[in-house]
Amino acid sequence: MSTDLRARPNVPTKQPSEKDTTANVEPDTPKAAPLERQPSIQQRATQSLTSTVANLANLLPTGTLLAFQLLMPVFTQNGTCDSATGTMTFILLTILAFSCFLASFTDSVKGTDEQVYYGFVTSKGLWLFDCPDPSSKGLTPAKLSEKKFQRGLRDWAHAILSVLVFGAVALRDKNVVQCFYPMPRKETQEVLNILPIGIGIICSLCFTVFPTTRHGIGYPVTPGK
């Protein structure tokens, strides 16, 4: 018995059109931006404390701070000190620290000519060094010997705190650190990182609890002073 095999007709396949292909392609979805690594609590605390130390620089005399910022790169040769520049840098830091200490015992007073005169506070009152004839400016001995112009325990405390603040600012300066500690050990580096922050926090609390009322050399004079 013979079986006729019929060939299956070839059905033309439909080629997908460009329109269909485009329709089937899913639109590109925007990729999520990579998540940035958030700073840890310790890093944020360190940044906050570092800014606190930087803000304490405002408590230093303007001239002393400006001299420090201008002369440190020159004296330290941008942190590459030798025996000579290291000694000169140490002497400069000592002079600037002493100027911060001395400026804490200065105050100002305004005369009848609306000029501001500066002097040192003593146990008996304000001693003016830029006014040869205070009486002619309305600055009588009774006025200059008022209690607010007399040196007290708070002045000594502010003088010591000012030196500590200056030390904290100096220890945060990379030129100073590289000059005296070019290759610090691990323990030394930890002290250099922690000590300025500790000094800054303590001094900040002390200046907040016992604010200064002096407007001496290098400090702004408030209206009506």
N, C-alpha and C. Protein backbone atom coordinates (compact mmCIF):
# COMPACT_ATOMS: atom_id res chain seq x y z
N MET A 1 0.87 -1.19 0.00
CA MET A 1 0.00 0.00 0.00
C MET A 1 0.89 1.21 0.00
N SER A 2 0.59 2.08 -0.88
CA SER A 2 1.40 3.29 -1.00
C SER A 2 0.74 4.44 -0.31
N THR A 3 1.53 5.21 0.32
CA THR A 3 1.00 6.39 1.03
C THR A 3 1.58 7.62 0.41
N ASP A 4 0.68 8.45 -0.03
CA ASP A 4 1.13 9.71 -0.62
C ASP A 4 1.52 10.68 0.46
N LEU A 5 2.73 11.05 0.40
CA LEU A 5 3.21 12.05 1.38
C LEU A 5 3.09 13.42 0.76
N ARG A 6 2.25 14.17 1.35
CA ARG A 6 2.08 15.54 0.88
C ARG A 6 3.05 16.47 1.61
N ALA A 7 3.70 17.23 0.84
CA ALA A 7 4.61 18.21 1.47
C ALA A 7 3.83 19.32 2.13
N ARG A 8 4.27 19.59 3.35
CA ARG A 8 3.59 20.66 4.10
C ARG A 8 3.95 22.00 3.49
N PRO A 9 2.95 22.75 3.16
CA PRO A 9 3.25 24.05 2.55
C PRO A 9 4.02 24.94 3.51
N ASN A 10 4.96 25.61 2.94
CA ASN A 10 5.77 26.55 3.74
C ASN A 10 4.97 27.81 4.01
N VAL A 11 4.73 28.02 5.31
CA VAL A 11 3.98 29.22 5.70
C VAL A 11 5.00 30.32 5.98
N PRO A 12 4.91 31.37 5.24
CA PRO A 12 5.89 32.45 5.48
C PRO A 12 5.76 33.01 6.88
N THR A 13 6.89 33.04 7.52
CA THR A 13 6.88 33.60 8.89
C THR A 13 6.93 35.12 8.82
N LYS A 14 6.24 35.70 9.72
CA LYS A 14 6.14 37.15 9.76
C LYS A 14 7.32 37.72 10.52
N GLN A 15 8.10 38.49 9.85
CA GLN A 15 9.24 39.13 10.50
C GLN A 15 8.77 40.28 11.37
N PRO A 16 9.25 40.34 12.55
CA PRO A 16 8.80 41.46 13.40
C PRO A 16 9.27 42.79 12.84
N SER A 17 8.34 43.67 12.80
CA SER A 17 8.67 45.00 12.29
C SER A 17 9.47 45.77 13.31
N GLU A 18 10.07 46.84 12.84
CA GLU A 18 10.87 47.69 13.74
C GLU A 18 10.01 48.31 14.82
N LYS A 19 8.73 48.57 14.44
CA LYS A 19 7.81 49.17 15.40
C LYS A 19 7.51 48.22 16.53
N ASP A 20 7.30 46.88 16.12
CA ASP A 20 7.00 45.90 17.16
C ASP A 20 8.21 45.67 18.07
N THR A 21 9.38 45.65 17.40
CA THR A 21 10.59 45.44 18.21
C THR A 21 10.79 46.56 19.21
N THR A 22 10.52 47.75 18.74
CA THR A 22 10.66 48.89 19.64
C THR A 22 9.64 48.85 20.76
N ALA A 23 8.43 48.33 20.40
CA ALA A 23 7.38 48.29 21.41
C ALA A 23 7.68 47.26 22.48
N ASN A 24 8.36 46.17 22.07
CA ASN A 24 8.63 45.12 23.04
C ASN A 24 9.81 45.44 23.96
N VAL A 25 10.66 46.35 23.51
CA VAL A 25 11.81 46.71 24.34
C VAL A 25 11.35 47.61 25.47
N GLU A 26 11.69 47.19 26.67
CA GLU A 26 11.29 47.99 27.83
C GLU A 26 12.14 49.23 27.93
N PRO A 27 11.53 50.32 28.26
CA PRO A 27 12.31 51.55 28.38
C PRO A 27 13.34 51.42 29.48
N ASP A 28 14.46 52.08 29.24
CA ASP A 28 15.53 52.03 30.23
C ASP A 28 15.08 52.71 31.51
N THR A 29 15.15 51.98 32.57
CA THR A 29 14.78 52.56 33.86
C THR A 29 16.00 53.24 34.45
N PRO A 30 15.82 54.40 35.02
CA PRO A 30 16.96 55.10 35.60
C PRO A 30 17.58 54.29 36.72
N LYS A 31 18.89 54.16 36.65
CA LYS A 31 19.59 53.41 37.68
C LYS A 31 19.75 54.25 38.94
N ALA A 32 19.58 53.56 40.03
CA ALA A 32 19.71 54.27 41.31
C ALA A 32 21.15 54.70 41.51
N ALA A 33 21.30 55.91 41.95
CA ALA A 33 22.65 56.41 42.20
C ALA A 33 23.28 55.64 43.34
N PRO A 34 24.55 55.37 43.24
CA PRO A 34 25.20 54.63 44.34
C PRO A 34 25.14 55.41 45.64
N LEU A 35 24.83 54.68 46.68
CA LEU A 35 24.70 55.31 47.98
C LEU A 35 26.06 55.75 48.49
N GLU A 36 26.12 57.01 48.88
CA GLU A 36 27.36 57.52 49.44
C GLU A 36 27.52 57.03 50.87
N ARG A 37 28.73 56.77 51.21
CA ARG A 37 29.01 56.28 52.55
C ARG A 37 28.84 57.40 53.56
N GLN A 38 27.92 57.16 54.47
CA GLN A 38 27.66 58.17 55.48
C GLN A 38 28.75 58.13 56.54
N PRO A 39 29.18 59.30 57.00
CA PRO A 39 30.21 59.30 58.06
C PRO A 39 29.67 58.70 59.34
N SER A 40 30.52 58.01 60.04
CA SER A 40 30.12 57.39 61.29
C SER A 40 29.92 58.45 62.37
N ILE A 41 29.36 57.99 63.48
CA ILE A 41 29.11 58.92 64.59
C ILE A 41 30.43 59.48 65.11
N GLN A 42 31.46 58.62 65.16
CA GLN A 42 32.75 59.08 65.65
C GLN A 42 33.36 60.11 64.72
N GLN A 43 33.21 59.90 63.39
CA GLN A 43 33.76 60.87 62.43
C GLN A 43 33.02 62.19 62.52
N ARG A 44 31.70 62.13 62.65
CA ARG A 44 30.94 63.38 62.77
C ARG A 44 31.28 64.11 64.06
N ALA A 45 31.47 63.35 65.12
CA ALA A 45 31.84 63.99 66.39
C ALA A 45 33.21 64.64 66.28
N THR A 46 34.14 63.94 65.60
CA THR A 46 35.48 64.51 65.43
C THR A 46 35.44 65.78 64.60
N GLN A 47 34.64 65.79 63.52
CA GLN A 47 34.52 66.99 62.70
C GLN A 47 33.90 68.14 63.49
N SER A 48 32.90 67.82 64.31
CA SER A 48 32.28 68.87 65.12
C SER A 48 33.25 69.44 66.14
N LEU A 49 34.04 68.57 66.77
CA LEU A 49 34.99 69.03 67.76
C LEU A 49 36.11 69.83 67.11
N THR A 50 36.51 69.40 65.90
CA THR A 50 37.54 70.14 65.19
C THR A 50 37.08 71.54 64.84
N SER A 51 35.80 71.68 64.42
CA SER A 51 35.26 73.00 64.12
C SER A 51 35.18 73.84 65.38
N THR A 52 34.94 73.17 66.53
CA THR A 52 34.91 73.91 67.80
C THR A 52 36.27 74.51 68.10
N VAL A 53 37.32 73.71 67.86
CA VAL A 53 38.68 74.22 68.08
C VAL A 53 38.98 75.38 67.14
N ALA A 54 38.50 75.26 65.88
CA ALA A 54 38.72 76.34 64.92
C ALA A 54 38.00 77.61 65.35
N ASN A 55 36.79 77.46 65.90
CA ASN A 55 36.04 78.64 66.34
C ASN A 55 36.68 79.29 67.56
N LEU A 56 37.42 78.51 68.34
CA LEU A 56 38.09 79.09 69.50
C LEU A 56 39.19 80.06 69.09
N ALA A 57 39.63 79.95 67.84
CA ALA A 57 40.65 80.89 67.37
C ALA A 57 40.13 82.32 67.40
N ASN A 58 38.79 82.49 67.36
CA ASN A 58 38.22 83.83 67.44
C ASN A 58 38.44 84.47 68.81
N LEU A 59 38.79 83.65 69.80
CA LEU A 59 39.05 84.19 71.14
C LEU A 59 40.47 84.72 71.28
N LEU A 60 41.29 84.53 70.27
CA LEU A 60 42.66 85.02 70.32
C LEU A 60 42.75 86.43 69.74
N PRO A 61 43.75 87.19 70.14
CA PRO A 61 43.93 88.52 69.55
C PRO A 61 44.11 88.42 68.04
N THR A 62 43.49 89.35 67.33
CA THR A 62 43.52 89.31 65.86
C THR A 62 44.94 89.40 65.32
N GLY A 63 45.74 90.29 65.88
CA GLY A 63 47.11 90.46 65.41
C GLY A 63 47.96 89.22 65.64
N THR A 64 47.78 88.57 66.78
CA THR A 64 48.55 87.36 67.07
C THR A 64 48.17 86.24 66.11
N LEU A 65 46.89 86.07 65.87
CA LEU A 65 46.43 85.02 64.97
C LEU A 65 46.89 85.28 63.54
N LEU A 66 46.86 86.54 63.12
CA LEU A 66 47.31 86.88 61.77
C LEU A 66 48.81 86.64 61.62
N ALA A 67 49.57 87.02 62.63
CA ALA A 67 51.01 86.78 62.59
C ALA A 67 51.32 85.29 62.54
N PHE A 68 50.57 84.51 63.27
CA PHE A 68 50.76 83.06 63.26
C PHE A 68 50.49 82.48 61.87
N GLN A 69 49.40 82.88 61.25
CA GLN A 69 49.05 82.34 59.94
C GLN A 69 50.03 82.77 58.85
N LEU A 70 50.59 83.97 58.98
CA LEU A 70 51.51 84.46 57.95
C LEU A 70 52.93 83.95 58.14
N LEU A 71 53.38 83.84 59.38
CA LEU A 71 54.79 83.53 59.64
C LEU A 71 55.08 82.04 59.75
N MET A 72 54.10 81.24 60.12
CA MET A 72 54.38 79.81 60.29
C MET A 72 54.89 79.14 59.01
N PRO A 73 54.26 79.36 57.86
CA PRO A 73 54.81 78.72 56.65
C PRO A 73 56.23 79.18 56.33
N VAL A 74 56.56 80.43 56.68
CA VAL A 74 57.89 80.96 56.38
C VAL A 74 58.92 80.37 57.34
N PHE A 75 58.62 80.39 58.64
CA PHE A 75 59.58 79.93 59.63
C PHE A 75 59.79 78.42 59.55
N THR A 76 58.74 77.67 59.26
CA THR A 76 58.86 76.22 59.20
C THR A 76 59.23 75.70 57.82
N GLN A 77 59.34 76.59 56.84
CA GLN A 77 59.61 76.19 55.46
C GLN A 77 58.59 75.15 55.01
N ASN A 78 57.32 75.48 55.29
CA ASN A 78 56.19 74.60 54.93
C ASN A 78 56.32 73.22 55.57
N GLY A 79 56.80 73.19 56.81
CA GLY A 79 56.86 71.95 57.56
C GLY A 79 58.15 71.18 57.45
N THR A 80 59.12 71.68 56.72
CA THR A 80 60.40 70.98 56.57
C THR A 80 61.48 71.76 57.35
N CYS A 81 61.50 71.56 58.65
CA CYS A 81 62.41 72.32 59.51
C CYS A 81 63.76 71.62 59.65
N ASP A 82 64.78 72.43 59.84
CA ASP A 82 66.08 71.92 60.25
C ASP A 82 66.34 72.43 61.67
N SER A 83 67.56 72.29 62.14
CA SER A 83 67.86 72.70 63.51
C SER A 83 67.68 74.20 63.72
N ALA A 84 68.04 75.00 62.71
CA ALA A 84 67.93 76.46 62.83
C ALA A 84 66.48 76.92 62.77
N THR A 85 65.75 76.48 61.75
CA THR A 85 64.35 76.90 61.61
C THR A 85 63.48 76.33 62.71
N GLY A 86 63.84 75.15 63.22
CA GLY A 86 63.08 74.59 64.34
C GLY A 86 63.20 75.43 65.59
N THR A 87 64.42 75.91 65.85
CA THR A 87 64.63 76.77 67.02
C THR A 87 63.90 78.10 66.86
N MET A 88 63.98 78.69 65.66
CA MET A 88 63.30 79.96 65.43
C MET A 88 61.78 79.80 65.51
N THR A 89 61.27 78.67 65.05
CA THR A 89 59.83 78.42 65.14
C THR A 89 59.39 78.31 66.59
N PHE A 90 60.20 77.63 67.40
CA PHE A 90 59.87 77.50 68.83
C PHE A 90 59.87 78.87 69.51
N ILE A 91 60.85 79.70 69.19
CA ILE A 91 60.91 81.04 69.77
C ILE A 91 59.70 81.87 69.33
N LEU A 92 59.33 81.77 68.06
CA LEU A 92 58.17 82.52 67.57
C LEU A 92 56.89 82.07 68.26
N LEU A 93 56.72 80.77 68.44
CA LEU A 93 55.53 80.27 69.13
C LEU A 93 55.49 80.76 70.57
N THR A 94 56.66 80.82 71.21
CA THR A 94 56.71 81.32 72.59
C THR A 94 56.32 82.79 72.66
N ILE A 95 56.81 83.58 71.71
CA ILE A 95 56.48 85.01 71.70
C ILE A 95 54.98 85.21 71.44
N LEU A 96 54.42 84.47 70.51
CA LEU A 96 53.00 84.62 70.21
C LEU A 96 52.14 84.16 71.38
N ALA A 97 52.56 83.09 72.04
CA ALA A 97 51.80 82.63 73.22
C ALA A 97 51.86 83.68 74.33
N PHE A 98 53.03 84.30 74.52
CA PHE A 98 53.15 85.34 75.55
C PHE A 98 52.30 86.56 75.19
N SER A 99 52.19 86.88 73.90
CA SER A 99 51.35 88.01 73.50
C SER A 99 49.88 87.73 73.79
N CYS A 100 49.46 86.47 73.62
CA CYS A 100 48.08 86.11 74.00
C CYS A 100 47.87 86.27 75.50
N PHE A 101 48.87 85.86 76.28
CA PHE A 101 48.79 85.99 77.73
C PHE A 101 48.72 87.46 78.13
N LEU A 102 49.58 88.28 77.53
CA LEU A 102 49.65 89.70 77.89
C LEU A 102 48.40 90.45 77.44
N ALA A 103 47.85 90.09 76.27
CA ALA A 103 46.68 90.79 75.76
C ALA A 103 45.46 90.59 76.64
N SER A 104 45.46 89.52 77.44
CA SER A 104 44.32 89.27 78.34
C SER A 104 44.26 90.28 79.47
N PHE A 105 45.35 91.00 79.71
CA PHE A 105 45.39 92.01 80.78
C PHE A 105 45.28 93.43 80.22
N THR A 106 44.79 93.55 79.01
CA THR A 106 44.58 94.87 78.42
C THR A 106 43.08 95.15 78.30
N ASP A 107 42.76 96.42 78.36
CA ASP A 107 41.36 96.84 78.24
C ASP A 107 41.34 98.20 77.56
N SER A 108 40.16 98.65 77.21
CA SER A 108 40.02 99.91 76.51
C SER A 108 38.94 100.76 77.16
N VAL A 109 39.03 102.06 76.93
CA VAL A 109 38.05 103.00 77.45
C VAL A 109 37.92 104.14 76.44
N LYS A 110 36.74 104.68 76.36
CA LYS A 110 36.49 105.75 75.40
C LYS A 110 36.46 107.09 76.13
N GLY A 111 37.20 108.05 75.57
CA GLY A 111 37.24 109.38 76.16
C GLY A 111 36.13 110.28 75.64
N THR A 112 36.14 111.52 76.12
CA THR A 112 35.12 112.47 75.69
C THR A 112 35.27 112.87 74.23
N ASP A 113 36.43 112.63 73.64
CA ASP A 113 36.66 112.93 72.23
C ASP A 113 36.27 111.77 71.32
N GLU A 114 35.57 110.77 71.90
CA GLU A 114 35.10 109.59 71.16
C GLU A 114 36.23 108.72 70.63
N GLN A 115 37.41 108.90 71.16
CA GLN A 115 38.54 108.05 70.80
C GLN A 115 38.70 106.93 71.82
N VAL A 116 39.16 105.77 71.35
CA VAL A 116 39.34 104.61 72.22
C VAL A 116 40.80 104.54 72.63
N TYR A 117 41.04 104.42 73.93
CA TYR A 117 42.39 104.37 74.46
C TYR A 117 42.59 103.02 75.17
N TYR A 118 43.80 102.50 75.04
CA TYR A 118 44.11 101.17 75.58
C TYR A 118 45.08 101.29 76.74
N GLY A 119 45.01 100.30 77.60
CA GLY A 119 45.90 100.27 78.75
C GLY A 119 45.92 98.90 79.40
N PHE A 120 46.76 98.75 80.41
CA PHE A 120 46.86 97.50 81.15
C PHE A 120 46.02 97.60 82.42
N VAL A 121 45.34 96.51 82.74
CA VAL A 121 44.57 96.47 83.99
C VAL A 121 45.53 96.08 85.12
N THR A 122 45.46 96.82 86.20
CA THR A 122 46.29 96.55 87.37
C THR A 122 45.39 96.35 88.57
N SER A 123 45.99 96.10 89.69
CA SER A 123 45.20 95.91 90.91
C SER A 123 44.55 97.21 91.36
N LYS A 124 45.06 98.37 90.86
CA LYS A 124 44.50 99.66 91.24
C LYS A 124 43.62 100.28 90.16
N GLY A 125 43.60 99.70 88.97
CA GLY A 125 42.77 100.27 87.90
C GLY A 125 43.46 100.15 86.55
N LEU A 126 42.99 100.95 85.61
CA LEU A 126 43.49 100.89 84.24
C LEU A 126 44.62 101.89 84.06
N TRP A 127 45.76 101.39 83.59
CA TRP A 127 46.91 102.24 83.30
C TRP A 127 47.02 102.42 81.80
N LEU A 128 46.72 103.65 81.34
CA LEU A 128 46.72 103.92 79.91
C LEU A 128 48.14 104.19 79.43
N PHE A 129 48.51 103.56 78.31
CA PHE A 129 49.85 103.77 77.76
C PHE A 129 49.83 104.55 76.45
N ASP A 130 48.66 104.89 75.95
CA ASP A 130 48.61 105.67 74.71
C ASP A 130 47.85 106.98 74.89
N CYS A 131 47.74 107.41 76.14
CA CYS A 131 47.07 108.68 76.43
C CYS A 131 47.89 109.42 77.49
N PRO A 132 48.72 110.38 77.10
CA PRO A 132 49.59 111.04 78.06
C PRO A 132 48.84 111.89 79.09
N ASP A 133 47.67 112.42 78.71
CA ASP A 133 46.91 113.28 79.62
C ASP A 133 45.47 112.79 79.69
N PRO A 134 45.19 111.75 80.49
CA PRO A 134 43.84 111.19 80.54
C PRO A 134 42.79 112.18 81.03
N SER A 135 43.18 113.08 81.94
CA SER A 135 42.18 114.00 82.51
C SER A 135 41.59 114.91 81.44
N SER A 136 42.40 115.29 80.46
CA SER A 136 41.88 116.16 79.41
C SER A 136 40.90 115.44 78.49
N LYS A 137 40.86 114.14 78.54
CA LYS A 137 39.92 113.35 77.75
C LYS A 137 38.73 112.88 78.57
N GLY A 138 38.61 113.43 79.76
CA GLY A 138 37.50 113.04 80.62
C GLY A 138 37.74 111.74 81.36
N LEU A 139 38.96 111.22 81.33
CA LEU A 139 39.29 109.97 81.99
C LEU A 139 39.95 110.29 83.32
N THR A 140 39.15 110.55 84.30
CA THR A 140 39.64 110.93 85.61
C THR A 140 40.18 109.71 86.36
N PRO A 141 41.03 109.93 87.36
CA PRO A 141 41.54 108.80 88.15
C PRO A 141 40.43 107.98 88.79
N ALA A 142 39.34 108.63 89.16
CA ALA A 142 38.23 107.89 89.76
C ALA A 142 37.60 106.93 88.75
N LYS A 143 37.50 107.38 87.50
CA LYS A 143 36.92 106.53 86.46
C LYS A 143 37.85 105.36 86.13
N LEU A 144 39.15 105.66 86.02
CA LEU A 144 40.09 104.60 85.65
C LEU A 144 40.34 103.60 86.78
N SER A 145 39.98 103.97 88.00
CA SER A 145 40.17 103.06 89.13
C SER A 145 38.90 102.31 89.49
N GLU A 146 37.91 102.34 88.62
CA GLU A 146 36.67 101.60 88.87
C GLU A 146 36.96 100.11 88.97
N LYS A 147 36.05 99.41 89.61
CA LYS A 147 36.28 97.99 89.88
C LYS A 147 36.39 97.17 88.59
N LYS A 148 35.66 97.58 87.55
CA LYS A 148 35.70 96.80 86.30
C LYS A 148 37.06 96.89 85.61
N PHE A 149 37.86 97.89 85.97
CA PHE A 149 39.19 98.04 85.38
C PHE A 149 40.28 97.45 86.27
N GLN A 150 39.90 96.85 87.38
CA GLN A 150 40.88 96.28 88.28
C GLN A 150 41.13 94.81 87.92
N ARG A 151 42.38 94.41 88.01
CA ARG A 151 42.76 93.04 87.66
C ARG A 151 42.25 92.08 88.72
N GLY A 152 41.69 90.97 88.24
CA GLY A 152 41.13 89.99 89.15
C GLY A 152 41.51 88.57 88.76
N LEU A 153 40.93 87.63 89.47
CA LEU A 153 41.21 86.22 89.22
C LEU A 153 40.74 85.79 87.83
N ARG A 154 39.64 86.37 87.36
CA ARG A 154 39.14 86.01 86.04
C ARG A 154 40.13 86.38 84.94
N ASP A 155 40.84 87.49 85.11
CA ASP A 155 41.83 87.88 84.12
C ASP A 155 42.97 86.86 84.03
N TRP A 156 43.40 86.35 85.18
CA TRP A 156 44.45 85.33 85.17
C TRP A 156 43.95 84.05 84.52
N ALA A 157 42.70 83.69 84.80
CA ALA A 157 42.14 82.48 84.20
C ALA A 157 42.03 82.62 82.68
N HIS A 158 41.58 83.78 82.21
CA HIS A 158 41.47 84.00 80.77
C HIS A 158 42.83 84.03 80.10
N ALA A 159 43.84 84.54 80.79
CA ALA A 159 45.19 84.57 80.23
C ALA A 159 45.71 83.15 80.03
N ILE A 160 45.50 82.30 81.02
CA ILE A 160 45.95 80.91 80.91
C ILE A 160 45.16 80.18 79.82
N LEU A 161 43.86 80.42 79.77
CA LEU A 161 43.03 79.77 78.75
C LEU A 161 43.42 80.23 77.35
N SER A 162 43.78 81.50 77.22
CA SER A 162 44.19 82.01 75.91
C SER A 162 45.46 81.31 75.41
N VAL A 163 46.40 81.07 76.34
CA VAL A 163 47.62 80.36 75.96
C VAL A 163 47.29 78.92 75.56
N LEU A 164 46.38 78.29 76.28
CA LEU A 164 45.98 76.92 75.94
C LEU A 164 45.28 76.87 74.58
N VAL A 165 44.44 77.85 74.32
CA VAL A 165 43.76 77.90 73.03
C VAL A 165 44.78 78.08 71.90
N PHE A 166 45.74 78.95 72.13
CA PHE A 166 46.78 79.14 71.12
C PHE A 166 47.56 77.85 70.89
N GLY A 167 47.83 77.14 71.97
CA GLY A 167 48.51 75.86 71.82
C GLY A 167 47.69 74.86 71.03
N ALA A 168 46.37 74.84 71.26
CA ALA A 168 45.51 73.93 70.50
C ALA A 168 45.49 74.29 69.02
N VAL A 169 45.44 75.59 68.73
CA VAL A 169 45.46 76.03 67.34
C VAL A 169 46.79 75.68 66.68
N ALA A 170 47.88 75.84 67.42
CA ALA A 170 49.19 75.51 66.86
C ALA A 170 49.33 74.02 66.58
N LEU A 171 48.76 73.19 67.45
CA LEU A 171 48.85 71.74 67.26
C LEU A 171 47.97 71.25 66.11
N ARG A 172 47.02 72.08 65.68
CA ARG A 172 46.20 71.71 64.53
C ARG A 172 46.80 72.20 63.22
N ASP A 173 47.91 72.93 63.31
CA ASP A 173 48.56 73.44 62.10
C ASP A 173 49.53 72.38 61.58
N LYS A 174 49.38 72.00 60.33
CA LYS A 174 50.19 70.91 59.78
C LYS A 174 51.66 71.30 59.68
N ASN A 175 51.95 72.58 59.45
CA ASN A 175 53.35 73.00 59.36
C ASN A 175 54.07 72.86 60.69
N VAL A 176 53.39 73.21 61.76
CA VAL A 176 53.99 73.10 63.09
C VAL A 176 54.20 71.63 63.45
N VAL A 177 53.20 70.81 63.19
CA VAL A 177 53.30 69.39 63.53
C VAL A 177 54.41 68.72 62.73
N GLN A 178 54.49 68.99 61.42
CA GLN A 178 55.52 68.38 60.60
C GLN A 178 56.92 68.91 60.94
N CYS A 179 56.96 70.12 61.48
CA CYS A 179 58.26 70.69 61.87
C CYS A 179 58.84 69.96 63.07
N PHE A 180 58.03 69.76 64.11
CA PHE A 180 58.52 69.15 65.34
C PHE A 180 58.34 67.62 65.36
N TYR A 181 57.39 67.11 64.61
CA TYR A 181 57.14 65.67 64.56
C TYR A 181 57.00 65.24 63.10
N PRO A 182 58.12 65.18 62.37
CA PRO A 182 58.02 64.81 60.95
C PRO A 182 57.53 63.39 60.73
N MET A 183 57.93 62.47 61.59
CA MET A 183 57.48 61.07 61.50
C MET A 183 57.07 60.58 62.89
N PRO A 184 55.90 61.03 63.37
CA PRO A 184 55.50 60.67 64.74
C PRO A 184 55.15 59.19 64.86
N ARG A 185 55.39 58.64 66.03
CA ARG A 185 54.97 57.28 66.31
C ARG A 185 53.46 57.24 66.49
N LYS A 186 52.94 56.05 66.58
CA LYS A 186 51.50 55.89 66.69
C LYS A 186 50.96 56.57 67.94
N GLU A 187 51.64 56.37 69.05
CA GLU A 187 51.17 56.98 70.30
C GLU A 187 51.24 58.50 70.23
N THR A 188 52.32 59.03 69.63
CA THR A 188 52.45 60.48 69.49
C THR A 188 51.37 61.05 68.59
N GLN A 189 51.06 60.35 67.50
CA GLN A 189 50.02 60.81 66.59
C GLN A 189 48.66 60.82 67.27
N GLU A 190 48.41 59.84 68.12
CA GLU A 190 47.14 59.81 68.85
C GLU A 190 47.03 61.01 69.80
N VAL A 191 48.14 61.34 70.45
CA VAL A 191 48.14 62.51 71.35
C VAL A 191 47.90 63.79 70.55
N LEU A 192 48.54 63.91 69.39
CA LEU A 192 48.38 65.11 68.56
C LEU A 192 46.97 65.24 68.03
N ASN A 193 46.28 64.12 67.86
CA ASN A 193 44.90 64.17 67.37
C ASN A 193 43.90 64.46 68.49
N ILE A 194 44.18 63.97 69.69
CA ILE A 194 43.20 64.05 70.77
C ILE A 194 43.40 65.30 71.63
N LEU A 195 44.67 65.65 71.91
CA LEU A 195 44.94 66.74 72.85
C LEU A 195 44.32 68.07 72.43
N PRO A 196 44.47 68.53 71.18
CA PRO A 196 43.85 69.81 70.81
C PRO A 196 42.33 69.81 70.97
N ILE A 197 41.70 68.68 70.68
CA ILE A 197 40.25 68.60 70.82
C ILE A 197 39.85 68.68 72.29
N GLY A 198 40.59 67.98 73.15
CA GLY A 198 40.29 68.06 74.58
C GLY A 198 40.47 69.45 75.13
N ILE A 199 41.56 70.11 74.74
CA ILE A 199 41.79 71.49 75.18
C ILE A 199 40.68 72.40 74.67
N GLY A 200 40.27 72.19 73.42
CA GLY A 200 39.22 73.04 72.85
C GLY A 200 37.90 72.91 73.59
N ILE A 201 37.53 71.69 73.95
CA ILE A 201 36.26 71.49 74.67
C ILE A 201 36.32 72.12 76.05
N ILE A 202 37.41 71.90 76.77
CA ILE A 202 37.51 72.45 78.13
C ILE A 202 37.52 73.97 78.10
N CYS A 203 38.32 74.55 77.19
CA CYS A 203 38.39 76.01 77.11
C CYS A 203 37.07 76.60 76.65
N SER A 204 36.37 75.92 75.76
CA SER A 204 35.07 76.41 75.31
C SER A 204 34.08 76.47 76.46
N LEU A 205 34.07 75.44 77.30
CA LEU A 205 33.17 75.45 78.45
C LEU A 205 33.55 76.55 79.43
N CYS A 206 34.84 76.74 79.66
CA CYS A 206 35.28 77.76 80.60
C CYS A 206 34.93 79.16 80.10
N PHE A 207 35.15 79.43 78.82
CA PHE A 207 34.81 80.75 78.27
C PHE A 207 33.30 80.97 78.25
N THR A 208 32.53 79.89 78.15
CA THR A 208 31.07 80.03 78.18
C THR A 208 30.57 80.34 79.58
N VAL A 209 31.13 79.65 80.56
CA VAL A 209 30.71 79.85 81.95
C VAL A 209 31.25 81.17 82.50
N PHE A 210 32.49 81.50 82.15
CA PHE A 210 33.11 82.73 82.64
C PHE A 210 33.53 83.59 81.45
N PRO A 211 32.58 84.27 80.82
CA PRO A 211 32.93 85.09 79.64
C PRO A 211 33.76 86.30 80.03
N THR A 212 34.61 86.70 79.13
CA THR A 212 35.44 87.87 79.39
C THR A 212 34.68 89.16 79.11
N THR A 213 35.00 90.18 79.87
CA THR A 213 34.38 91.50 79.67
C THR A 213 35.40 92.51 79.16
N ARG A 214 36.61 92.05 78.88
CA ARG A 214 37.66 92.94 78.41
C ARG A 214 37.56 93.17 76.91
N HIS A 215 37.99 94.33 76.48
CA HIS A 215 38.07 94.67 75.05
C HIS A 215 39.46 95.29 74.82
N GLY A 216 40.46 94.43 74.99
CA GLY A 216 41.82 94.91 74.92
C GLY A 216 42.36 94.93 73.50
N ILE A 217 43.68 94.93 73.41
CA ILE A 217 44.36 95.01 72.12
C ILE A 217 44.09 93.74 71.33
N GLY A 218 43.61 93.93 70.11
CA GLY A 218 43.33 92.79 69.25
C GLY A 218 41.94 92.25 69.37
N TYR A 219 41.14 92.82 70.27
CA TYR A 219 39.77 92.38 70.45
C TYR A 219 38.82 93.48 70.02
N PRO A 220 37.64 93.10 69.50
CA PRO A 220 36.70 94.15 69.04
C PRO A 220 36.12 94.92 70.20
N VAL A 221 35.85 96.18 69.94
CA VAL A 221 35.24 97.07 70.93
C VAL A 221 33.76 97.18 70.62
N THR A 222 32.92 96.81 71.57
CA THR A 222 31.49 96.86 71.36
C THR A 222 30.99 98.30 71.45
N PRO A 223 29.88 98.60 70.75
CA PRO A 223 29.33 99.96 70.82
C PRO A 223 28.94 100.32 72.25
N GLY A 224 29.26 101.53 72.61
CA GLY A 224 28.93 102.00 73.95
C GLY A 224 29.95 101.65 74.98
N LYS A 225 31.03 100.94 74.56
CA LYS A 225 32.08 100.58 75.52
C LYS A 225 32.84 101.84 75.92
